[in-house]
Amino acid sequence: MPATLIAQFSGDQVALSTSAVLLHTSSAAANSNEPEQVLVQNNTAIDITVGGSDVTDGANGVLLPASGNNSVTISLKFPGIEIWAIAASGTPSANVVRV
């Protein structure tokens, strides 16, 4: 069973910067009965903030603090919904996994 579960995951590392970066756009299949689940993880030494296209450093989103393997799972119920992220400094990477 675990091998089957792992096969359902697809993920990427996305390089971030101090400008907002698009992490994921929900597929045409996303709907309220079967929402698309996306996990965004920060395991770097730099804070990142995850949100919509208006996300800024520390605002308009969810702060994933540095050095804590912090994550958030986002449920996307409509096609074309975008998830963006921004770094507090530098160029860390966020792990983005569709579950």
PDB file of N, CA and C in Angstrom:
ATOM      1  N   MET A   1       0.815  -1.210   0.000  1.00  0.00           N
ATOM      2  CA  MET A   1       0.000   0.000   0.000  1.00  0.00           C
ATOM      3  C   MET A   1       0.855   1.269   0.000  1.00  0.00           C
ATOM      4  N   PRO A   2       1.928   1.411   0.796  1.00  0.00           N
ATOM      5  CA  PRO A   2       2.718   2.644   0.755  1.00  0.00           C
ATOM      6  C   PRO A   2       3.260   2.977  -0.633  1.00  0.00           C
ATOM      7  N   ALA A   3       3.641   1.972  -1.416  1.00  0.00           N
ATOM      8  CA  ALA A   3       4.158   2.247  -2.762  1.00  0.00           C
ATOM      9  C   ALA A   3       3.084   2.896  -3.627  1.00  0.00           C
ATOM     10  N   THR A   4       1.835   2.464  -3.483  1.00  0.00           N
ATOM     11  CA  THR A   4       0.732   3.058  -4.231  1.00  0.00           C
ATOM     12  C   THR A   4       0.520   4.502  -3.808  1.00  0.00           C
ATOM     13  N   LEU A   5       0.552   4.750  -2.506  1.00  0.00           N
ATOM     14  CA  LEU A   5       0.361   6.100  -1.994  1.00  0.00           C
ATOM     15  C   LEU A   5       1.454   7.030  -2.504  1.00  0.00           C
ATOM     16  N   ILE A   6       2.695   6.604  -2.469  1.00  0.00           N
ATOM     17  CA  ILE A   6       3.799   7.429  -2.946  1.00  0.00           C
ATOM     18  C   ILE A   6       3.643   7.745  -4.423  1.00  0.00           C
ATOM     19  N   ALA A   7       3.135   6.807  -5.199  1.00  0.00           N
ATOM     20  CA  ALA A   7       2.967   7.026  -6.632  1.00  0.00           C
ATOM     21  C   ALA A   7       1.955   8.127  -6.935  1.00  0.00           C
ATOM     22  N   GLN A   8       1.097   8.473  -5.973  1.00  0.00           N
ATOM     23  CA  GLN A   8       0.094   9.505  -6.192  1.00  0.00           C
ATOM     24  C   GLN A   8       0.651  10.913  -5.995  1.00  0.00           C
ATOM     25  N   PHE A   9       1.839  11.038  -5.463  1.00  0.00           N
ATOM     26  CA  PHE A   9       2.452  12.340  -5.214  1.00  0.00           C
ATOM     27  C   PHE A   9       3.255  12.783  -6.433  1.00  0.00           C
ATOM     28  N   SER A  10       3.223  14.069  -6.697  1.00  0.00           N
ATOM     29  CA  SER A  10       4.112  14.618  -7.702  1.00  0.00           C
ATOM     30  C   SER A  10       4.606  15.939  -7.150  1.00  0.00           C
ATOM     31  N   GLY A  11       5.889  16.189  -7.210  1.00  0.00           N
ATOM     32  CA  GLY A  11       6.394  17.388  -6.572  1.00  0.00           C
ATOM     33  C   GLY A  11       7.580  18.005  -7.269  1.00  0.00           C
ATOM     34  N   ASP A  12       7.864  19.242  -6.880  1.00  0.00           N
ATOM     35  CA  ASP A  12       8.965  20.003  -7.456  1.00  0.00           C
ATOM     36  C   ASP A  12       9.598  20.863  -6.374  1.00  0.00           C
ATOM     37  N   GLN A  13      10.850  21.216  -6.614  1.00  0.00           N
ATOM     38  CA  GLN A  13      11.494  22.266  -5.836  1.00  0.00           C
ATOM     39  C   GLN A  13      11.449  23.514  -6.704  1.00  0.00           C
ATOM     40  N   VAL A  14      10.930  24.593  -6.144  1.00  0.00           N
ATOM     41  CA  VAL A  14      10.792  25.843  -6.889  1.00  0.00           C
ATOM     42  C   VAL A  14      11.693  26.892  -6.255  1.00  0.00           C
ATOM     43  N   ALA A  15      12.576  27.478  -7.063  1.00  0.00           N
ATOM     44  CA  ALA A  15      13.470  28.529  -6.579  1.00  0.00           C
ATOM     45  C   ALA A  15      12.677  29.809  -6.335  1.00  0.00           C
ATOM     46  N   LEU A  16      12.891  30.412  -5.173  1.00  0.00           N
ATOM     47  CA  LEU A  16      12.215  31.652  -4.810  1.00  0.00           C
ATOM     48  C   LEU A  16      13.186  32.815  -4.837  1.00  0.00           C
ATOM     49  N   SER A  17      12.641  34.008  -4.709  1.00  0.00           N
ATOM     50  CA  SER A  17      13.467  35.209  -4.599  1.00  0.00           C
ATOM     51  C   SER A  17      12.689  36.231  -3.780  1.00  0.00           C
ATOM     52  N   THR A  18      13.161  37.452  -3.749  1.00  0.00           N
ATOM     53  CA  THR A  18      12.484  38.516  -3.013  1.00  0.00           C
ATOM     54  C   THR A  18      11.386  39.166  -3.843  1.00  0.00           C
ATOM     55  N   SER A  19      11.090  38.603  -5.002  1.00  0.00           N
ATOM     56  CA  SER A  19       9.913  38.945  -5.800  1.00  0.00           C
ATOM     57  C   SER A  19       9.016  37.713  -5.806  1.00  0.00           C
ATOM     58  N   ALA A  20       7.708  37.919  -5.861  1.00  0.00           N
ATOM     59  CA  ALA A  20       6.777  36.788  -5.835  1.00  0.00           C
ATOM     60  C   ALA A  20       7.004  35.866  -7.028  1.00  0.00           C
ATOM     61  N   VAL A  21       6.943  34.543  -6.764  1.00  0.00           N
ATOM     62  CA  VAL A  21       7.167  33.507  -7.772  1.00  0.00           C
ATOM     63  C   VAL A  21       5.947  32.583  -7.787  1.00  0.00           C
ATOM     64  N   LEU A  22       5.461  32.246  -8.974  1.00  0.00           N
ATOM     65  CA  LEU A  22       4.340  31.321  -9.114  1.00  0.00           C
ATOM     66  C   LEU A  22       4.800  29.911  -8.781  1.00  0.00           C
ATOM     67  N   LEU A  23       4.125  29.266  -7.808  1.00  0.00           N
ATOM     68  CA  LEU A  23       4.474  27.903  -7.407  1.00  0.00           C
ATOM     69  C   LEU A  23       3.622  26.861  -8.111  1.00  0.00           C
ATOM     70  N   HIS A  24       2.325  27.149  -8.261  1.00  0.00           N
ATOM     71  CA  HIS A  24       1.400  26.124  -8.765  1.00  0.00           C
ATOM     72  C   HIS A  24       0.118  26.793  -9.249  1.00  0.00           C
ATOM     73  N   THR A  25      -0.488  26.211 -10.295  1.00  0.00           N
ATOM     74  CA  THR A  25      -1.811  26.616 -10.769  1.00  0.00           C
ATOM     75  C   THR A  25      -2.692  25.374 -10.759  1.00  0.00           C
ATOM     76  N   SER A  26      -3.871  25.475 -10.151  1.00  0.00           N
ATOM     77  CA  SER A  26      -4.746  24.302 -10.065  1.00  0.00           C
ATOM     78  C   SER A  26      -5.213  23.867 -11.448  1.00  0.00           C
ATOM     79  N   SER A  27      -5.418  22.565 -11.583  1.00  0.00           N
ATOM     80  CA  SER A  27      -5.794  21.973 -12.865  1.00  0.00           C
ATOM     81  C   SER A  27      -7.273  22.196 -13.161  1.00  0.00           C
ATOM     82  N   ALA A  28      -7.653  21.887 -14.383  1.00  0.00           N
ATOM     83  CA  ALA A  28      -9.049  22.001 -14.810  1.00  0.00           C
ATOM     84  C   ALA A  28      -9.954  21.047 -14.032  1.00  0.00           C
ATOM     85  N   ALA A  29      -9.395  20.013 -13.432  1.00  0.00           N
ATOM     86  CA  ALA A  29     -10.179  19.023 -12.693  1.00  0.00           C
ATOM     87  C   ALA A  29     -10.517  19.461 -11.266  1.00  0.00           C
ATOM     88  N   ALA A  30      -9.890  20.508 -10.764  1.00  0.00           N
ATOM     89  CA  ALA A  30     -10.137  20.948  -9.383  1.00  0.00           C
ATOM     90  C   ALA A  30     -11.589  21.402  -9.245  1.00  0.00           C
ATOM     91  N   ASN A  31     -12.264  20.908  -8.198  1.00  0.00           N
ATOM     92  CA  ASN A  31     -13.646  21.322  -7.938  1.00  0.00           C
ATOM     93  C   ASN A  31     -13.950  21.156  -6.454  1.00  0.00           C
ATOM     94  N   SER A  32     -15.113  21.652  -6.034  1.00  0.00           N
ATOM     95  CA  SER A  32     -15.432  21.634  -4.607  1.00  0.00           C
ATOM     96  C   SER A  32     -15.664  20.223  -4.064  1.00  0.00           C
ATOM     97  N   ASN A  33     -16.059  19.284  -4.928  1.00  0.00           N
ATOM     98  CA  ASN A  33     -16.253  17.903  -4.481  1.00  0.00           C
ATOM     99  C   ASN A  33     -14.937  17.143  -4.377  1.00  0.00           C
ATOM    100  N   GLU A  34     -13.988  17.473  -5.234  1.00  0.00           N
ATOM    101  CA  GLU A  34     -12.672  16.836  -5.222  1.00  0.00           C
ATOM    102  C   GLU A  34     -11.593  17.911  -5.382  1.00  0.00           C
ATOM    103  N   PRO A  35     -11.351  18.668  -4.307  1.00  0.00           N
ATOM    104  CA  PRO A  35     -10.359  19.746  -4.408  1.00  0.00           C
ATOM    105  C   PRO A  35      -8.948  19.201  -4.630  1.00  0.00           C
ATOM    106  N   GLU A  36      -8.153  19.998  -5.299  1.00  0.00           N
ATOM    107  CA  GLU A  36      -6.737  19.657  -5.503  1.00  0.00           C
ATOM    108  C   GLU A  36      -5.987  20.067  -4.237  1.00  0.00           C
ATOM    109  N   GLN A  37      -5.230  19.157  -3.659  1.00  0.00           N
ATOM    110  CA  GLN A  37      -4.470  19.422  -2.440  1.00  0.00           C
ATOM    111  C   GLN A  37      -3.008  19.663  -2.812  1.00  0.00           C
ATOM    112  N   VAL A  38      -2.462  20.781  -2.352  1.00  0.00           N
ATOM    113  CA  VAL A  38      -1.070  21.121  -2.631  1.00  0.00           C
ATOM    114  C   VAL A  38      -0.364  21.426  -1.321  1.00  0.00           C
ATOM    115  N   LEU A  39       0.743  20.730  -1.075  1.00  0.00           N
ATOM    116  CA  LEU A  39       1.554  20.945   0.112  1.00  0.00           C
ATOM    117  C   LEU A  39       2.751  21.804  -0.286  1.00  0.00           C
ATOM    118  N   VAL A  40       2.975  22.894   0.453  1.00  0.00           N
ATOM    119  CA  VAL A  40       4.145  23.749   0.240  1.00  0.00           C
ATOM    120  C   VAL A  40       4.975  23.668   1.512  1.00  0.00           C
ATOM    121  N   GLN A  41       6.254  23.351   1.354  1.00  0.00           N
ATOM    122  CA  GLN A  41       7.127  23.113   2.504  1.00  0.00           C
ATOM    123  C   GLN A  41       8.361  24.014   2.429  1.00  0.00           C
ATOM    124  N   ASN A  42       8.733  24.548   3.581  1.00  0.00           N
ATOM    125  CA  ASN A  42       9.963  25.327   3.709  1.00  0.00           C
ATOM    126  C   ASN A  42      10.873  24.622   4.701  1.00  0.00           C
ATOM    127  N   ASN A  43      11.994  24.108   4.229  1.00  0.00           N
ATOM    128  CA  ASN A  43      12.987  23.528   5.143  1.00  0.00           C
ATOM    129  C   ASN A  43      14.335  24.207   4.938  1.00  0.00           C
ATOM    130  N   THR A  44      14.267  25.509   4.650  1.00  0.00           N
ATOM    131  CA  THR A  44      15.483  26.302   4.448  1.00  0.00           C
ATOM    132  C   THR A  44      15.734  27.192   5.666  1.00  0.00           C
ATOM    133  N   ALA A  45      16.793  27.965   5.616  1.00  0.00           N
ATOM    134  CA  ALA A  45      17.154  28.887   6.693  1.00  0.00           C
ATOM    135  C   ALA A  45      16.594  30.292   6.458  1.00  0.00           C
ATOM    136  N   ILE A  46      15.625  30.409   5.538  1.00  0.00           N
ATOM    137  CA  ILE A  46      15.047  31.717   5.192  1.00  0.00           C
ATOM    138  C   ILE A  46      13.525  31.615   5.270  1.00  0.00           C
ATOM    139  N   ASP A  47      12.867  32.602   5.903  1.00  0.00           N
ATOM    140  CA  ASP A  47      11.405  32.647   5.943  1.00  0.00           C
ATOM    141  C   ASP A  47      10.843  32.784   4.535  1.00  0.00           C
ATOM    142  N   ILE A  48       9.704  32.120   4.280  1.00  0.00           N
ATOM    143  CA  ILE A  48       8.974  32.347   3.035  1.00  0.00           C
ATOM    144  C   ILE A  48       7.505  32.576   3.377  1.00  0.00           C
ATOM    145  N   THR A  49       6.814  33.325   2.529  1.00  0.00           N
ATOM    146  CA  THR A  49       5.391  33.576   2.684  1.00  0.00           C
ATOM    147  C   THR A  49       4.687  33.047   1.447  1.00  0.00           C
ATOM    148  N   VAL A  50       3.600  32.301   1.658  1.00  0.00           N
ATOM    149  CA  VAL A  50       2.842  31.661   0.583  1.00  0.00           C
ATOM    150  C   VAL A  50       1.455  32.280   0.533  1.00  0.00           C
ATOM    151  N   GLY A  51       0.988  32.618  -0.682  1.00  0.00           N
ATOM    152  CA  GLY A  51      -0.344  33.202  -0.816  1.00  0.00           C
ATOM    153  C   GLY A  51      -0.739  33.338  -2.266  1.00  0.00           C
ATOM    154  N   GLY A  52      -1.559  34.340  -2.540  1.00  0.00           N
ATOM    155  CA  GLY A  52      -1.989  34.635  -3.903  1.00  0.00           C
ATOM    156  C   GLY A  52      -0.977  35.525  -4.606  1.00  0.00           C
ATOM    157  N   SER A  53      -1.374  36.049  -5.748  1.00  0.00           N
ATOM    158  CA  SER A  53      -0.450  36.865  -6.538  1.00  0.00           C
ATOM    159  C   SER A  53      -0.058  38.162  -5.845  1.00  0.00           C
ATOM    160  N   ASP A  54      -0.810  38.553  -4.806  1.00  0.00           N
ATOM    161  CA  ASP A  54      -0.494  39.776  -4.059  1.00  0.00           C
ATOM    162  C   ASP A  54       0.367  39.519  -2.820  1.00  0.00           C
ATOM    163  N   VAL A  55       0.927  38.304  -2.695  1.00  0.00           N
ATOM    164  CA  VAL A  55       1.741  37.973  -1.534  1.00  0.00           C
ATOM    165  C   VAL A  55       2.969  38.879  -1.458  1.00  0.00           C
ATOM    166  N   THR A  56       3.316  39.291  -0.234  1.00  0.00           N
ATOM    167  CA  THR A  56       4.536  40.067  -0.004  1.00  0.00           C
ATOM    168  C   THR A  56       5.271  39.423   1.168  1.00  0.00           C
ATOM    169  N   ASP A  57       6.479  39.851   1.392  1.00  0.00           N
ATOM    170  CA  ASP A  57       7.280  39.293   2.483  1.00  0.00           C
ATOM    171  C   ASP A  57       6.564  39.507   3.814  1.00  0.00           C
ATOM    172  N   GLY A  58       6.069  38.418   4.396  1.00  0.00           N
ATOM    173  CA  GLY A  58       5.425  38.484   5.702  1.00  0.00           C
ATOM    174  C   GLY A  58       3.986  38.957   5.697  1.00  0.00           C
ATOM    175  N   ALA A  59       3.371  39.156   4.529  1.00  0.00           N
ATOM    176  CA  ALA A  59       1.988  39.646   4.489  1.00  0.00           C
ATOM    177  C   ALA A  59       1.226  39.024   3.320  1.00  0.00           C
ATOM    178  N   ASN A  60      -0.095  39.084   3.428  1.00  0.00           N
ATOM    179  CA  ASN A  60      -1.003  38.592   2.393  1.00  0.00           C
ATOM    180  C   ASN A  60      -0.831  37.103   2.108  1.00  0.00           C
ATOM    181  N   GLY A  61      -0.515  36.354   3.150  1.00  0.00           N
ATOM    182  CA  GLY A  61      -0.344  34.915   2.973  1.00  0.00           C
ATOM    183  C   GLY A  61      -0.015  34.230   4.281  1.00  0.00           C
ATOM    184  N   VAL A  62       0.509  33.024   4.159  1.00  0.00           N
ATOM    185  CA  VAL A  62       0.883  32.213   5.310  1.00  0.00           C
ATOM    186  C   VAL A  62       2.403  32.213   5.431  1.00  0.00           C
ATOM    187  N   LEU A  63       2.914  32.635   6.573  1.00  0.00           N
ATOM    188  CA  LEU A  63       4.357  32.646   6.815  1.00  0.00           C
ATOM    189  C   LEU A  63       4.816  31.245   7.168  1.00  0.00           C
ATOM    190  N   LEU A  64       5.798  30.737   6.430  1.00  0.00           N
ATOM    191  CA  LEU A  64       6.459  29.478   6.759  1.00  0.00           C
ATOM    192  C   LEU A  64       7.848  29.837   7.277  1.00  0.00           C
ATOM    193  N   PRO A  65       8.022  29.814   8.597  1.00  0.00           N
ATOM    194  CA  PRO A  65       9.292  30.239   9.184  1.00  0.00           C
ATOM    195  C   PRO A  65      10.473  29.365   8.760  1.00  0.00           C
ATOM    196  N   ALA A  66      11.640  29.942   8.881  1.00  0.00           N
ATOM    197  CA  ALA A  66      12.893  29.259   8.538  1.00  0.00           C
ATOM    198  C   ALA A  66      13.211  28.153   9.529  1.00  0.00           C
ATOM    199  N   SER A  67      14.035  27.234   9.066  1.00  0.00           N
ATOM    200  CA  SER A  67      14.675  26.219   9.909  1.00  0.00           C
ATOM    201  C   SER A  67      13.727  25.400  10.763  1.00  0.00           C
ATOM    202  N   GLY A  68      12.606  25.012  10.204  1.00  0.00           N
ATOM    203  CA  GLY A  68      11.703  24.214  11.003  1.00  0.00           C
ATOM    204  C   GLY A  68      10.945  23.175  10.210  1.00  0.00           C
ATOM    205  N   ASN A  69      11.319  22.991   8.946  1.00  0.00           N
ATOM    206  CA  ASN A  69      10.614  22.033   8.108  1.00  0.00           C
ATOM    207  C   ASN A  69       9.114  22.314   8.168  1.00  0.00           C
ATOM    208  N   ASN A  70       8.745  23.576   8.004  1.00  0.00           N
ATOM    209  CA  ASN A  70       7.366  24.032   8.121  1.00  0.00           C
ATOM    210  C   ASN A  70       6.628  23.874   6.801  1.00  0.00           C
ATOM    211  N   SER A  71       5.336  23.564   6.889  1.00  0.00           N
ATOM    212  CA  SER A  71       4.563  23.375   5.670  1.00  0.00           C
ATOM    213  C   SER A  71       3.120  23.810   5.865  1.00  0.00           C
ATOM    214  N   VAL A  72       2.438  23.982   4.739  1.00  0.00           N
ATOM    215  CA  VAL A  72       1.018  24.280   4.721  1.00  0.00           C
ATOM    216  C   VAL A  72       0.412  23.476   3.571  1.00  0.00           C
ATOM    217  N   THR A  73      -0.773  22.916   3.798  1.00  0.00           N
ATOM    218  CA  THR A  73      -1.507  22.240   2.733  1.00  0.00           C
ATOM    219  C   THR A  73      -2.656  23.136   2.318  1.00  0.00           C
ATOM    220  N   ILE A  74      -2.755  23.384   1.025  1.00  0.00           N
ATOM    221  CA  ILE A  74      -3.759  24.287   0.486  1.00  0.00           C
ATOM    222  C   ILE A  74      -4.730  23.476  -0.361  1.00  0.00           C
ATOM    223  N   SER A  75      -6.025  23.700  -0.139  1.00  0.00           N
ATOM    224  CA  SER A  75      -7.078  23.016  -0.873  1.00  0.00           C
ATOM    225  C   SER A  75      -7.611  23.948  -1.955  1.00  0.00           C
ATOM    226  N   LEU A  76      -7.445  23.556  -3.211  1.00  0.00           N
ATOM    227  CA  LEU A  76      -7.863  24.384  -4.347  1.00  0.00           C
ATOM    228  C   LEU A  76      -9.147  23.808  -4.930  1.00  0.00           C
ATOM    229  N   LYS A  77     -10.240  24.572  -4.857  1.00  0.00           N
ATOM    230  CA  LYS A  77     -11.553  24.063  -5.246  1.00  0.00           C
ATOM    231  C   LYS A  77     -12.027  24.540  -6.612  1.00  0.00           C
ATOM    232  N   PHE A  78     -11.202  25.313  -7.312  1.00  0.00           N
ATOM    233  CA  PHE A  78     -11.573  25.810  -8.625  1.00  0.00           C
ATOM    234  C   PHE A  78     -10.379  25.728  -9.566  1.00  0.00           C
ATOM    235  N   PRO A  79     -10.615  25.528 -10.856  1.00  0.00           N
ATOM    236  CA  PRO A  79      -9.508  25.518 -11.830  1.00  0.00           C
ATOM    237  C   PRO A  79      -8.858  26.896 -11.931  1.00  0.00           C
ATOM    238  N   GLY A  80      -7.564  26.897 -12.214  1.00  0.00           N
ATOM    239  CA  GLY A  80      -6.846  28.147 -12.480  1.00  0.00           C
ATOM    240  C   GLY A  80      -6.449  28.962 -11.269  1.00  0.00           C
ATOM    241  N   ILE A  81      -6.625  28.438 -10.068  1.00  0.00           N
ATOM    242  CA  ILE A  81      -6.215  29.158  -8.850  1.00  0.00           C
ATOM    243  C   ILE A  81      -4.699  29.061  -8.722  1.00  0.00           C
ATOM    244  N   GLU A  82      -4.066  30.186  -8.448  1.00  0.00           N
ATOM    245  CA  GLU A  82      -2.601  30.229  -8.378  1.00  0.00           C
ATOM    246  C   GLU A  82      -2.109  30.334  -6.938  1.00  0.00           C
ATOM    247  N   ILE A  83      -0.999  29.642  -6.679  1.00  0.00           N
ATOM    248  CA  ILE A  83      -0.287  29.747  -5.400  1.00  0.00           C
ATOM    249  C   ILE A  83       1.055  30.407  -5.693  1.00  0.00           C
ATOM    250  N   TRP A  84       1.356  31.474  -4.978  1.00  0.00           N
ATOM    251  CA  TRP A  84       2.593  32.220  -5.137  1.00  0.00           C
ATOM    252  C   TRP A  84       3.375  32.184  -3.826  1.00  0.00           C
ATOM    253  N   ALA A  85       4.669  32.474  -3.902  1.00  0.00           N
ATOM    254  CA  ALA A  85       5.493  32.569  -2.692  1.00  0.00           C
ATOM    255  C   ALA A  85       6.589  33.599  -2.900  1.00  0.00           C
ATOM    256  N   ILE A  86       7.073  34.100  -1.774  1.00  0.00           N
ATOM    257  CA  ILE A  86       8.160  35.080  -1.790  1.00  0.00           C
ATOM    258  C   ILE A  86       9.096  34.783  -0.620  1.00  0.00           C
ATOM    259  N   ALA A  87      10.374  35.027  -0.817  1.00  0.00           N
ATOM    260  CA  ALA A  87      11.378  34.802   0.223  1.00  0.00           C
ATOM    261  C   ALA A  87      11.674  36.109   0.947  1.00  0.00           C
ATOM    262  N   ALA A  88      11.994  36.007   2.238  1.00  0.00           N
ATOM    263  CA  ALA A  88      12.376  37.179   3.018  1.00  0.00           C
ATOM    264  C   ALA A  88      13.702  37.751   2.523  1.00  0.00           C
ATOM    265  N   SER A  89      14.572  36.868   2.027  1.00  0.00           N
ATOM    266  CA  SER A  89      15.873  37.281   1.493  1.00  0.00           C
ATOM    267  C   SER A  89      16.443  36.119   0.694  1.00  0.00           C
ATOM    268  N   GLY A  90      17.450  36.388  -0.074  1.00  0.00           N
ATOM    269  CA  GLY A  90      18.158  35.321  -0.775  1.00  0.00           C
ATOM    270  C   GLY A  90      17.327  34.581  -1.806  1.00  0.00           C
ATOM    271  N   THR A  91      17.740  33.344  -2.081  1.00  0.00           N
ATOM    272  CA  THR A  91      17.092  32.521  -3.104  1.00  0.00           C
ATOM    273  C   THR A  91      16.880  31.083  -2.607  1.00  0.00           C
ATOM    274  N   PRO A  92      16.037  30.904  -1.592  1.00  0.00           N
ATOM    275  CA  PRO A  92      15.761  29.546  -1.129  1.00  0.00           C
ATOM    276  C   PRO A  92      14.851  28.815  -2.103  1.00  0.00           C
ATOM    277  N   SER A  93      14.619  27.545  -1.854  1.00  0.00           N
ATOM    278  CA  SER A  93      13.669  26.771  -2.657  1.00  0.00           C
ATOM    279  C   SER A  93      12.531  26.304  -1.773  1.00  0.00           C
ATOM    280  N   ALA A  94      11.338  26.259  -2.349  1.00  0.00           N
ATOM    281  CA  ALA A  94      10.181  25.688  -1.665  1.00  0.00           C
ATOM    282  C   ALA A  94       9.877  24.339  -2.301  1.00  0.00           C
ATOM    283  N   ASN A  95       9.522  23.379  -1.475  1.00  0.00           N
ATOM    284  CA  ASN A  95       9.058  22.091  -1.977  1.00  0.00           C
ATOM    285  C   ASN A  95       7.563  22.209  -2.201  1.00  0.00           C
ATOM    286  N   VAL A  96       7.120  21.855  -3.408  1.00  0.00           N
ATOM    287  CA  VAL A  96       5.705  21.929  -3.761  1.00  0.00           C
ATOM    288  C   VAL A  96       5.266  20.543  -4.194  1.00  0.00           C
ATOM    289  N   VAL A  97       4.297  19.973  -3.478  1.00  0.00           N
ATOM    290  CA  VAL A  97       3.865  18.602  -3.734  1.00  0.00           C
ATOM    291  C   VAL A  97       2.355  18.586  -3.898  1.00  0.00           C
ATOM    292  N   ARG A  98       1.898  18.065  -5.011  1.00  0.00           N
ATOM    293  CA  ARG A  98       0.462  17.853  -5.221  1.00  0.00           C
ATOM    294  C   ARG A  98       0.128  16.488  -4.648  1.00  0.00           C
ATOM    295  N   VAL A  99      -0.792  16.459  -3.679  1.00  0.00           N
ATOM    296  CA  VAL A  99      -1.141  15.205  -3.009  1.00  0.00           C
ATOM    297  C   VAL A  99      -2.565  14.790  -3.310  1.00  0.00           C
TER     298      VAL A  99
END
